[in-house]
Amino acid sequence: MQILQTTIQDEVWIKILPKGLITLPKKMRKKLNIKAGDIAKIKIIGKNMVIEPKETVKYRLYSDKEIDQWVKDDKLPAKLAKKANAIWADIP
């Protein structure tokens, strides 16, 4: 089990803004290598909130062209669609 050690330099008071927004102090962002647009996880442990930066994010943005191609590839040919509709006609 890893125990998080804090020093006085690792503690600061911050103000909670409207809608719960907070600003992470620059020194802390720099120390944890957190940049604008990064993803982080926040969780509650007892009466504490813990914010963990995510090092690598497994997501990808797809273009409209790629999505349109998926829709096109996924469409059944008319003859097969008619057959499928007949098979599933009794399903509400």
PDB file of N, CA and C in Angstrom:
ATOM      1  N   MET A   1       0.844  -1.178   0.000  1.00  0.00           N
ATOM      2  CA  MET A   1       0.000   0.000   0.000  1.00  0.00           C
ATOM      3  C   MET A   1       0.886   1.237   0.000  1.00  0.00           C
ATOM      4  N   GLN A   2       0.610   2.128  -0.895  1.00  0.00           N
ATOM      5  CA  GLN A   2       1.394   3.355  -0.998  1.00  0.00           C
ATOM      6  C   GLN A   2       0.739   4.427  -0.131  1.00  0.00           C
ATOM      7  N   ILE A   3       1.527   5.073   0.689  1.00  0.00           N
ATOM      8  CA  ILE A   3       1.013   6.137   1.545  1.00  0.00           C
ATOM      9  C   ILE A   3       1.449   7.468   0.956  1.00  0.00           C
ATOM     10  N   LEU A   4       0.466   8.340   0.753  1.00  0.00           N
ATOM     11  CA  LEU A   4       0.740   9.648   0.173  1.00  0.00           C
ATOM     12  C   LEU A   4       1.266  10.573   1.255  1.00  0.00           C
ATOM     13  N   GLN A   5       2.449  11.092   1.044  1.00  0.00           N
ATOM     14  CA  GLN A   5       3.028  12.018   1.999  1.00  0.00           C
ATOM     15  C   GLN A   5       2.864  13.431   1.466  1.00  0.00           C
ATOM     16  N   THR A   6       2.375  14.298   2.321  1.00  0.00           N
ATOM     17  CA  THR A   6       2.221  15.691   1.915  1.00  0.00           C
ATOM     18  C   THR A   6       3.118  16.562   2.768  1.00  0.00           C
ATOM     19  N   THR A   7       3.495  17.663   2.205  1.00  0.00           N
ATOM     20  CA  THR A   7       4.237  18.657   2.952  1.00  0.00           C
ATOM     21  C   THR A   7       3.426  19.932   2.919  1.00  0.00           C
ATOM     22  N   ILE A   8       3.828  20.898   3.702  1.00  0.00           N
ATOM     23  CA  ILE A   8       3.127  22.181   3.719  1.00  0.00           C
ATOM     24  C   ILE A   8       3.094  22.773   2.314  1.00  0.00           C
ATOM     25  N   GLN A   9       4.135  22.559   1.515  1.00  0.00           N
ATOM     26  CA  GLN A   9       4.188  23.109   0.162  1.00  0.00           C
ATOM     27  C   GLN A   9       3.156  22.445  -0.756  1.00  0.00           C
ATOM     28  N   ASP A  10       2.684  21.234  -0.387  1.00  0.00           N
ATOM     29  CA  ASP A  10       1.706  20.521  -1.198  1.00  0.00           C
ATOM     30  C   ASP A  10       0.266  20.863  -0.806  1.00  0.00           C
ATOM     31  N   GLU A  11       0.088  21.780   0.133  1.00  0.00           N
ATOM     32  CA  GLU A  11      -1.255  22.155   0.569  1.00  0.00           C
ATOM     33  C   GLU A  11      -1.517  23.615   0.251  1.00  0.00           C
ATOM     34  N   VAL A  12      -2.654  23.868  -0.345  1.00  0.00           N
ATOM     35  CA  VAL A  12      -3.081  25.241  -0.595  1.00  0.00           C
ATOM     36  C   VAL A  12      -4.587  25.304  -0.408  1.00  0.00           C
ATOM     37  N   TRP A  13      -5.085  26.472  -0.094  1.00  0.00           N
ATOM     38  CA  TRP A  13      -6.529  26.696  -0.032  1.00  0.00           C
ATOM     39  C   TRP A  13      -6.970  27.200  -1.392  1.00  0.00           C
ATOM     40  N   ILE A  14      -8.070  26.667  -1.869  1.00  0.00           N
ATOM     41  CA  ILE A  14      -8.614  27.116  -3.144  1.00  0.00           C
ATOM     42  C   ILE A  14     -10.070  27.510  -2.941  1.00  0.00           C
ATOM     43  N   LYS A  15     -10.580  28.325  -3.845  1.00  0.00           N
ATOM     44  CA  LYS A  15     -11.965  28.766  -3.777  1.00  0.00           C
ATOM     45  C   LYS A  15     -12.790  27.937  -4.764  1.00  0.00           C
ATOM     46  N   ILE A  16     -13.947  27.499  -4.320  1.00  0.00           N
ATOM     47  CA  ILE A  16     -14.856  26.766  -5.194  1.00  0.00           C
ATOM     48  C   ILE A  16     -15.706  27.810  -5.919  1.00  0.00           C
ATOM     49  N   LEU A  17     -15.625  27.833  -7.218  1.00  0.00           N
ATOM     50  CA  LEU A  17     -16.336  28.803  -8.044  1.00  0.00           C
ATOM     51  C   LEU A  17     -17.739  28.297  -8.379  1.00  0.00           C
ATOM     52  N   PRO A  18     -18.558  29.146  -8.996  1.00  0.00           N
ATOM     53  CA  PRO A  18     -19.892  28.677  -9.390  1.00  0.00           C
ATOM     54  C   PRO A  18     -19.793  27.389 -10.212  1.00  0.00           C
ATOM     55  N   LYS A  19     -20.785  26.549 -10.071  1.00  0.00           N
ATOM     56  CA  LYS A  19     -20.859  25.239 -10.739  1.00  0.00           C
ATOM     57  C   LYS A  19     -19.754  24.302 -10.265  1.00  0.00           C
ATOM     58  N   GLY A  20     -19.140  24.572  -9.124  1.00  0.00           N
ATOM     59  CA  GLY A  20     -18.142  23.676  -8.551  1.00  0.00           C
ATOM     60  C   GLY A  20     -16.772  23.742  -9.193  1.00  0.00           C
ATOM     61  N   LEU A  21     -16.532  24.731 -10.024  1.00  0.00           N
ATOM     62  CA  LEU A  21     -15.235  24.824 -10.695  1.00  0.00           C
ATOM     63  C   LEU A  21     -14.131  25.187  -9.712  1.00  0.00           C
ATOM     64  N   ILE A  22     -12.962  24.601  -9.929  1.00  0.00           N
ATOM     65  CA  ILE A  22     -11.779  24.940  -9.132  1.00  0.00           C
ATOM     66  C   ILE A  22     -10.606  25.171 -10.075  1.00  0.00           C
ATOM     67  N   THR A  23      -9.616  25.879  -9.594  1.00  0.00           N
ATOM     68  CA  THR A  23      -8.383  26.048 -10.338  1.00  0.00           C
ATOM     69  C   THR A  23      -7.281  25.335  -9.580  1.00  0.00           C
ATOM     70  N   LEU A  24      -6.615  24.420 -10.254  1.00  0.00           N
ATOM     71  CA  LEU A  24      -5.475  23.755  -9.631  1.00  0.00           C
ATOM     72  C   LEU A  24      -4.281  24.701  -9.712  1.00  0.00           C
ATOM     73  N   PRO A  25      -3.612  24.942  -8.602  1.00  0.00           N
ATOM     74  CA  PRO A  25      -2.477  25.856  -8.625  1.00  0.00           C
ATOM     75  C   PRO A  25      -1.404  25.417  -9.625  1.00  0.00           C
ATOM     76  N   LYS A  26      -0.783  26.408 -10.246  1.00  0.00           N
ATOM     77  CA  LYS A  26       0.200  26.164 -11.300  1.00  0.00           C
ATOM     78  C   LYS A  26       1.330  25.241 -10.839  1.00  0.00           C
ATOM     79  N   LYS A  27       1.835  25.448  -9.616  1.00  0.00           N
ATOM     80  CA  LYS A  27       2.933  24.614  -9.121  1.00  0.00           C
ATOM     81  C   LYS A  27       2.518  23.141  -9.043  1.00  0.00           C
ATOM     82  N   MET A  28       1.261  22.900  -8.653  1.00  0.00           N
ATOM     83  CA  MET A  28       0.785  21.516  -8.562  1.00  0.00           C
ATOM     84  C   MET A  28       0.589  20.923  -9.950  1.00  0.00           C
ATOM     85  N   ARG A  29       0.034  21.704 -10.880  1.00  0.00           N
ATOM     86  CA  ARG A  29      -0.138  21.221 -12.254  1.00  0.00           C
ATOM     87  C   ARG A  29       1.216  20.862 -12.858  1.00  0.00           C
ATOM     88  N   LYS A  30       2.190  21.727 -12.614  1.00  0.00           N
ATOM     89  CA  LYS A  30       3.528  21.497 -13.158  1.00  0.00           C
ATOM     90  C   LYS A  30       4.159  20.249 -12.532  1.00  0.00           C
ATOM     91  N   LYS A  31       4.012  20.099 -11.225  1.00  0.00           N
ATOM     92  CA  LYS A  31       4.595  18.959 -10.515  1.00  0.00           C
ATOM     93  C   LYS A  31       4.010  17.635 -11.023  1.00  0.00           C
ATOM     94  N   LEU A  32       2.711  17.641 -11.353  1.00  0.00           N
ATOM     95  CA  LEU A  32       2.042  16.423 -11.816  1.00  0.00           C
ATOM     96  C   LEU A  32       1.950  16.343 -13.340  1.00  0.00           C
ATOM     97  N   ASN A  33       2.539  17.328 -14.018  1.00  0.00           N
ATOM     98  CA  ASN A  33       2.528  17.380 -15.483  1.00  0.00           C
ATOM     99  C   ASN A  33       1.101  17.362 -16.037  1.00  0.00           C
ATOM    100  N   ILE A  34       0.233  18.179 -15.448  1.00  0.00           N
ATOM    101  CA  ILE A  34      -1.154  18.306 -15.900  1.00  0.00           C
ATOM    102  C   ILE A  34      -1.238  19.529 -16.800  1.00  0.00           C
ATOM    103  N   LYS A  35      -1.798  19.306 -17.998  1.00  0.00           N
ATOM    104  CA  LYS A  35      -1.929  20.402 -18.966  1.00  0.00           C
ATOM    105  C   LYS A  35      -3.397  20.602 -19.330  1.00  0.00           C
ATOM    106  N   ALA A  36      -3.713  21.762 -19.893  1.00  0.00           N
ATOM    107  CA  ALA A  36      -5.076  22.052 -20.335  1.00  0.00           C
ATOM    108  C   ALA A  36      -5.543  20.967 -21.291  1.00  0.00           C
ATOM    109  N   GLY A  37      -6.748  20.487 -21.097  1.00  0.00           N
ATOM    110  CA  GLY A  37      -7.312  19.450 -21.949  1.00  0.00           C
ATOM    111  C   GLY A  37      -7.039  18.033 -21.476  1.00  0.00           C
ATOM    112  N   ASP A  38      -6.173  17.873 -20.473  1.00  0.00           N
ATOM    113  CA  ASP A  38      -5.909  16.539 -19.938  1.00  0.00           C
ATOM    114  C   ASP A  38      -7.155  16.006 -19.233  1.00  0.00           C
ATOM    115  N   ILE A  39      -7.196  14.717 -19.056  1.00  0.00           N
ATOM    116  CA  ILE A  39      -8.283  14.031 -18.372  1.00  0.00           C
ATOM    117  C   ILE A  39      -7.796  13.664 -16.974  1.00  0.00           C
ATOM    118  N   ALA A  40      -8.681  13.804 -15.978  1.00  0.00           N
ATOM    119  CA  ALA A  40      -8.345  13.425 -14.610  1.00  0.00           C
ATOM    120  C   ALA A  40      -9.541  12.727 -13.983  1.00  0.00           C
ATOM    121  N   LYS A  41      -9.275  11.965 -12.947  1.00  0.00           N
ATOM    122  CA  LYS A  41     -10.331  11.273 -12.210  1.00  0.00           C
ATOM    123  C   LYS A  41     -10.398  11.894 -10.818  1.00  0.00           C
ATOM    124  N   ILE A  42     -11.605  12.114 -10.326  1.00  0.00           N
ATOM    125  CA  ILE A  42     -11.776  12.616  -8.965  1.00  0.00           C
ATOM    126  C   ILE A  42     -12.606  11.603  -8.195  1.00  0.00           C
ATOM    127  N   LYS A  43     -12.198  11.334  -6.976  1.00  0.00           N
ATOM    128  CA  LYS A  43     -12.947  10.392  -6.148  1.00  0.00           C
ATOM    129  C   LYS A  43     -12.959  10.878  -4.710  1.00  0.00           C
ATOM    130  N   ILE A  44     -13.914  10.368  -3.968  1.00  0.00           N
ATOM    131  CA  ILE A  44     -14.038  10.725  -2.556  1.00  0.00           C
ATOM    132  C   ILE A  44     -13.533   9.552  -1.734  1.00  0.00           C
ATOM    133  N   ILE A  45     -12.637   9.849  -0.819  1.00  0.00           N
ATOM    134  CA  ILE A  45     -12.128   8.855   0.121  1.00  0.00           C
ATOM    135  C   ILE A  45     -12.355   9.439   1.512  1.00  0.00           C
ATOM    136  N   GLY A  46     -13.317   8.875   2.213  1.00  0.00           N
ATOM    137  CA  GLY A  46     -13.697   9.435   3.510  1.00  0.00           C
ATOM    138  C   GLY A  46     -14.258  10.826   3.311  1.00  0.00           C
ATOM    139  N   LYS A  47     -13.625  11.818   3.917  1.00  0.00           N
ATOM    140  CA  LYS A  47     -14.047  13.208   3.747  1.00  0.00           C
ATOM    141  C   LYS A  47     -13.079  13.971   2.856  1.00  0.00           C
ATOM    142  N   ASN A  48     -12.311  13.241   2.071  1.00  0.00           N
ATOM    143  CA  ASN A  48     -11.318  13.857   1.189  1.00  0.00           C
ATOM    144  C   ASN A  48     -11.676  13.630  -0.275  1.00  0.00           C
ATOM    145  N   MET A  49     -11.300  14.588  -1.116  1.00  0.00           N
ATOM    146  CA  MET A  49     -11.405  14.437  -2.552  1.00  0.00           C
ATOM    147  C   MET A  49      -9.997  14.222  -3.089  1.00  0.00           C
ATOM    148  N   VAL A  50      -9.849  13.246  -3.958  1.00  0.00           N
ATOM    149  CA  VAL A  50      -8.550  12.952  -4.548  1.00  0.00           C
ATOM    150  C   VAL A  50      -8.688  13.114  -6.061  1.00  0.00           C
ATOM    151  N   ILE A  51      -7.811  13.915  -6.649  1.00  0.00           N
ATOM    152  CA  ILE A  51      -7.793  14.119  -8.092  1.00  0.00           C
ATOM    153  C   ILE A  51      -6.557  13.419  -8.636  1.00  0.00           C
ATOM    154  N   GLU A  52      -6.786  12.510  -9.573  1.00  0.00           N
ATOM    155  CA  GLU A  52      -5.675  11.757 -10.153  1.00  0.00           C
ATOM    156  C   GLU A  52      -5.577  12.057 -11.643  1.00  0.00           C
ATOM    157  N   PRO A  53      -4.431  12.551 -12.094  1.00  0.00           N
ATOM    158  CA  PRO A  53      -4.266  12.764 -13.532  1.00  0.00           C
ATOM    159  C   PRO A  53      -4.170  11.423 -14.244  1.00  0.00           C
ATOM    160  N   LYS A  54      -4.697  11.362 -15.438  1.00  0.00           N
ATOM    161  CA  LYS A  54      -4.607  10.141 -16.237  1.00  0.00           C
ATOM    162  C   LYS A  54      -3.466  10.315 -17.213  1.00  0.00           C
ATOM    163  N   GLU A  55      -2.518   9.415 -17.164  1.00  0.00           N
ATOM    164  CA  GLU A  55      -1.315   9.520 -17.985  1.00  0.00           C
ATOM    165  C   GLU A  55      -1.614   9.318 -19.469  1.00  0.00           C
ATOM    166  N   THR A  56      -2.329   8.250 -19.777  1.00  0.00           N
ATOM    167  CA  THR A  56      -2.682   7.997 -21.170  1.00  0.00           C
ATOM    168  C   THR A  56      -4.183   7.755 -21.252  1.00  0.00           C
ATOM    169  N   VAL A  57      -4.778   8.292 -22.255  1.00  0.00           N
ATOM    170  CA  VAL A  57      -6.209   8.145 -22.444  1.00  0.00           C
ATOM    171  C   VAL A  57      -6.444   7.279 -23.671  1.00  0.00           C
ATOM    172  N   LYS A  58      -7.292   6.277 -23.515  1.00  0.00           N
ATOM    173  CA  LYS A  58      -7.565   5.368 -24.619  1.00  0.00           C
ATOM    174  C   LYS A  58      -8.861   5.791 -25.293  1.00  0.00           C
ATOM    175  N   TYR A  59      -8.793   6.833 -26.054  1.00  0.00           N
ATOM    176  CA  TYR A  59      -9.933   7.241 -26.849  1.00  0.00           C
ATOM    177  C   TYR A  59      -9.431   7.855 -28.145  1.00  0.00           C
ATOM    178  N   ARG A  60     -10.317   7.894 -29.109  1.00  0.00           N
ATOM    179  CA  ARG A  60      -9.954   8.456 -30.400  1.00  0.00           C
ATOM    180  C   ARG A  60     -11.149   9.222 -30.935  1.00  0.00           C
ATOM    181  N   LEU A  61     -10.902  10.326 -31.562  1.00  0.00           N
ATOM    182  CA  LEU A  61     -11.960  11.087 -32.203  1.00  0.00           C
ATOM    183  C   LEU A  61     -12.051  10.633 -33.655  1.00  0.00           C
ATOM    184  N   TYR A  62     -13.284  10.407 -34.108  1.00  0.00           N
ATOM    185  CA  TYR A  62     -13.506   9.956 -35.476  1.00  0.00           C
ATOM    186  C   TYR A  62     -14.095  11.085 -36.304  1.00  0.00           C
ATOM    187  N   SER A  63     -13.731  11.124 -37.557  1.00  0.00           N
ATOM    188  CA  SER A  63     -14.228  12.157 -38.462  1.00  0.00           C
ATOM    189  C   SER A  63     -15.639  11.799 -38.925  1.00  0.00           C
ATOM    190  N   ASP A  64     -16.364  12.803 -39.415  1.00  0.00           N
ATOM    191  CA  ASP A  64     -17.698  12.560 -39.966  1.00  0.00           C
ATOM    192  C   ASP A  64     -17.621  11.574 -41.131  1.00  0.00           C
ATOM    193  N   LYS A  65     -16.566  11.665 -41.892  1.00  0.00           N
ATOM    194  CA  LYS A  65     -16.386  10.766 -43.045  1.00  0.00           C
ATOM    195  C   LYS A  65     -16.288   9.308 -42.580  1.00  0.00           C
ATOM    196  N   GLU A  66     -15.510   9.068 -41.523  1.00  0.00           N
ATOM    197  CA  GLU A  66     -15.381   7.710 -41.000  1.00  0.00           C
ATOM    198  C   GLU A  66     -16.717   7.185 -40.474  1.00  0.00           C
ATOM    199  N   ILE A  67     -17.444   8.020 -39.757  1.00  0.00           N
ATOM    200  CA  ILE A  67     -18.739   7.620 -39.206  1.00  0.00           C
ATOM    201  C   ILE A  67     -19.732   7.339 -40.330  1.00  0.00           C
ATOM    202  N   ASP A  68     -19.747   8.193 -41.361  1.00  0.00           N
ATOM    203  CA  ASP A  68     -20.628   7.962 -42.513  1.00  0.00           C
ATOM    204  C   ASP A  68     -20.307   6.626 -43.185  1.00  0.00           C
ATOM    205  N   GLN A  69     -19.034   6.287 -43.249  1.00  0.00           N
ATOM    206  CA  GLN A  69     -18.632   5.014 -43.857  1.00  0.00           C
ATOM    207  C   GLN A  69     -19.141   3.838 -43.032  1.00  0.00           C
ATOM    208  N   TRP A  70     -19.095   3.942 -41.703  1.00  0.00           N
ATOM    209  CA  TRP A  70     -19.610   2.871 -40.849  1.00  0.00           C
ATOM    210  C   TRP A  70     -21.098   2.659 -41.099  1.00  0.00           C
ATOM    211  N   VAL A  71     -21.838   3.764 -41.190  1.00  0.00           N
ATOM    212  CA  VAL A  71     -23.280   3.672 -41.430  1.00  0.00           C
ATOM    213  C   VAL A  71     -23.527   2.990 -42.777  1.00  0.00           C
ATOM    214  N   LYS A  72     -22.771   3.391 -43.767  1.00  0.00           N
ATOM    215  CA  LYS A  72     -22.909   2.800 -45.104  1.00  0.00           C
ATOM    216  C   LYS A  72     -22.582   1.306 -45.067  1.00  0.00           C
ATOM    217  N   ASP A  73     -21.487   0.941 -44.400  1.00  0.00           N
ATOM    218  CA  ASP A  73     -21.073  -0.461 -44.312  1.00  0.00           C
ATOM    219  C   ASP A  73     -22.070  -1.304 -43.524  1.00  0.00           C
ATOM    220  N   ASP A  74     -22.758  -0.681 -42.572  1.00  0.00           N
ATOM    221  CA  ASP A  74     -23.662  -1.394 -41.681  1.00  0.00           C
ATOM    222  C   ASP A  74     -25.058  -1.599 -42.284  1.00  0.00           C
ATOM    223  N   LYS A  75     -25.375  -0.875 -43.346  1.00  0.00           N
ATOM    224  CA  LYS A  75     -26.701  -0.944 -43.948  1.00  0.00           C
ATOM    225  C   LYS A  75     -26.877  -2.261 -44.706  1.00  0.00           C
ATOM    226  N   LEU A  76     -28.022  -2.918 -44.436  1.00  0.00           N
ATOM    227  CA  LEU A  76     -28.309  -4.174 -45.120  1.00  0.00           C
ATOM    228  C   LEU A  76     -28.753  -3.919 -46.557  1.00  0.00           C
ATOM    229  N   PRO A  77     -28.393  -4.793 -47.457  1.00  0.00           N
ATOM    230  CA  PRO A  77     -28.927  -4.691 -48.820  1.00  0.00           C
ATOM    231  C   PRO A  77     -30.457  -4.833 -48.761  1.00  0.00           C
ATOM    232  N   ALA A  78     -31.169  -4.206 -49.695  1.00  0.00           N
ATOM    233  CA  ALA A  78     -32.634  -4.163 -49.674  1.00  0.00           C
ATOM    234  C   ALA A  78     -33.256  -5.555 -49.571  1.00  0.00           C
ATOM    235  N   LYS A  79     -32.735  -6.510 -50.334  1.00  0.00           N
ATOM    236  CA  LYS A  79     -33.295  -7.869 -50.323  1.00  0.00           C
ATOM    237  C   LYS A  79     -33.142  -8.517 -48.946  1.00  0.00           C
ATOM    238  N   LEU A  80     -31.982  -8.370 -48.343  1.00  0.00           N
ATOM    239  CA  LEU A  80     -31.726  -8.944 -47.024  1.00  0.00           C
ATOM    240  C   LEU A  80     -32.533  -8.215 -45.947  1.00  0.00           C
ATOM    241  N   ALA A  81     -32.664  -6.902 -46.073  1.00  0.00           N
ATOM    242  CA  ALA A  81     -33.454  -6.129 -45.109  1.00  0.00           C
ATOM    243  C   ALA A  81     -34.908  -6.578 -45.134  1.00  0.00           C
ATOM    244  N   LYS A  82     -35.459  -6.821 -46.325  1.00  0.00           N
ATOM    245  CA  LYS A  82     -36.845  -7.283 -46.471  1.00  0.00           C
ATOM    246  C   LYS A  82     -37.016  -8.653 -45.811  1.00  0.00           C
ATOM    247  N   LYS A  83     -36.044  -9.543 -46.026  1.00  0.00           N
ATOM    248  CA  LYS A  83     -36.088 -10.880 -45.431  1.00  0.00           C
ATOM    249  C   LYS A  83     -36.026 -10.790 -43.896  1.00  0.00           C
ATOM    250  N   ALA A  84     -35.155  -9.928 -43.379  1.00  0.00           N
ATOM    251  CA  ALA A  84     -35.018  -9.743 -41.926  1.00  0.00           C
ATOM    252  C   ALA A  84     -36.309  -9.194 -41.333  1.00  0.00           C
ATOM    253  N   ASN A  85     -36.918  -8.238 -42.003  1.00  0.00           N
ATOM    254  CA  ASN A  85     -38.184  -7.652 -41.528  1.00  0.00           C
ATOM    255  C   ASN A  85     -39.279  -8.723 -41.475  1.00  0.00           C
ATOM    256  N   ALA A  86     -39.307  -9.621 -42.444  1.00  0.00           N
ATOM    257  CA  ALA A  86     -40.301 -10.693 -42.455  1.00  0.00           C
ATOM    258  C   ALA A  86     -40.079 -11.650 -41.283  1.00  0.00           C
ATOM    259  N   ILE A  87     -38.821 -11.972 -41.025  1.00  0.00           N
ATOM    260  CA  ILE A  87     -38.502 -12.893 -39.918  1.00  0.00           C
ATOM    261  C   ILE A  87     -38.888 -12.284 -38.574  1.00  0.00           C
ATOM    262  N   TRP A  88     -38.627 -10.977 -38.422  1.00  0.00           N
ATOM    263  CA  TRP A  88     -38.853 -10.318 -37.136  1.00  0.00           C
ATOM    264  C   TRP A  88     -40.169  -9.568 -37.068  1.00  0.00           C
ATOM    265  N   ALA A  89     -41.060  -9.801 -37.981  1.00  0.00           N
ATOM    266  CA  ALA A  89     -42.325  -9.056 -38.051  1.00  0.00           C
ATOM    267  C   ALA A  89     -43.158  -9.210 -36.785  1.00  0.00           C
ATOM    268  N   ASP A  90     -43.059 -10.337 -36.108  1.00  0.00           N
ATOM    269  CA  ASP A  90     -43.877 -10.582 -34.924  1.00  0.00           C
ATOM    270  C   ASP A  90     -43.271  -9.979 -33.650  1.00  0.00           C
ATOM    271  N   ILE A  91     -42.107  -9.398 -33.748  1.00  0.00           N
ATOM    272  CA  ILE A  91     -41.462  -8.794 -32.583  1.00  0.00           C
ATOM    273  C   ILE A  91     -41.897  -7.322 -32.499  1.00  0.00           C
ATOM    274  N   PRO A  92     -42.499  -6.935 -31.351  1.00  0.00           N
ATOM    275  CA  PRO A  92     -42.974  -5.532 -31.241  1.00  0.00           C
ATOM    276  C   PRO A  92     -41.872  -4.512 -31.213  1.00  0.00           C
TER     277      PRO A  92
END
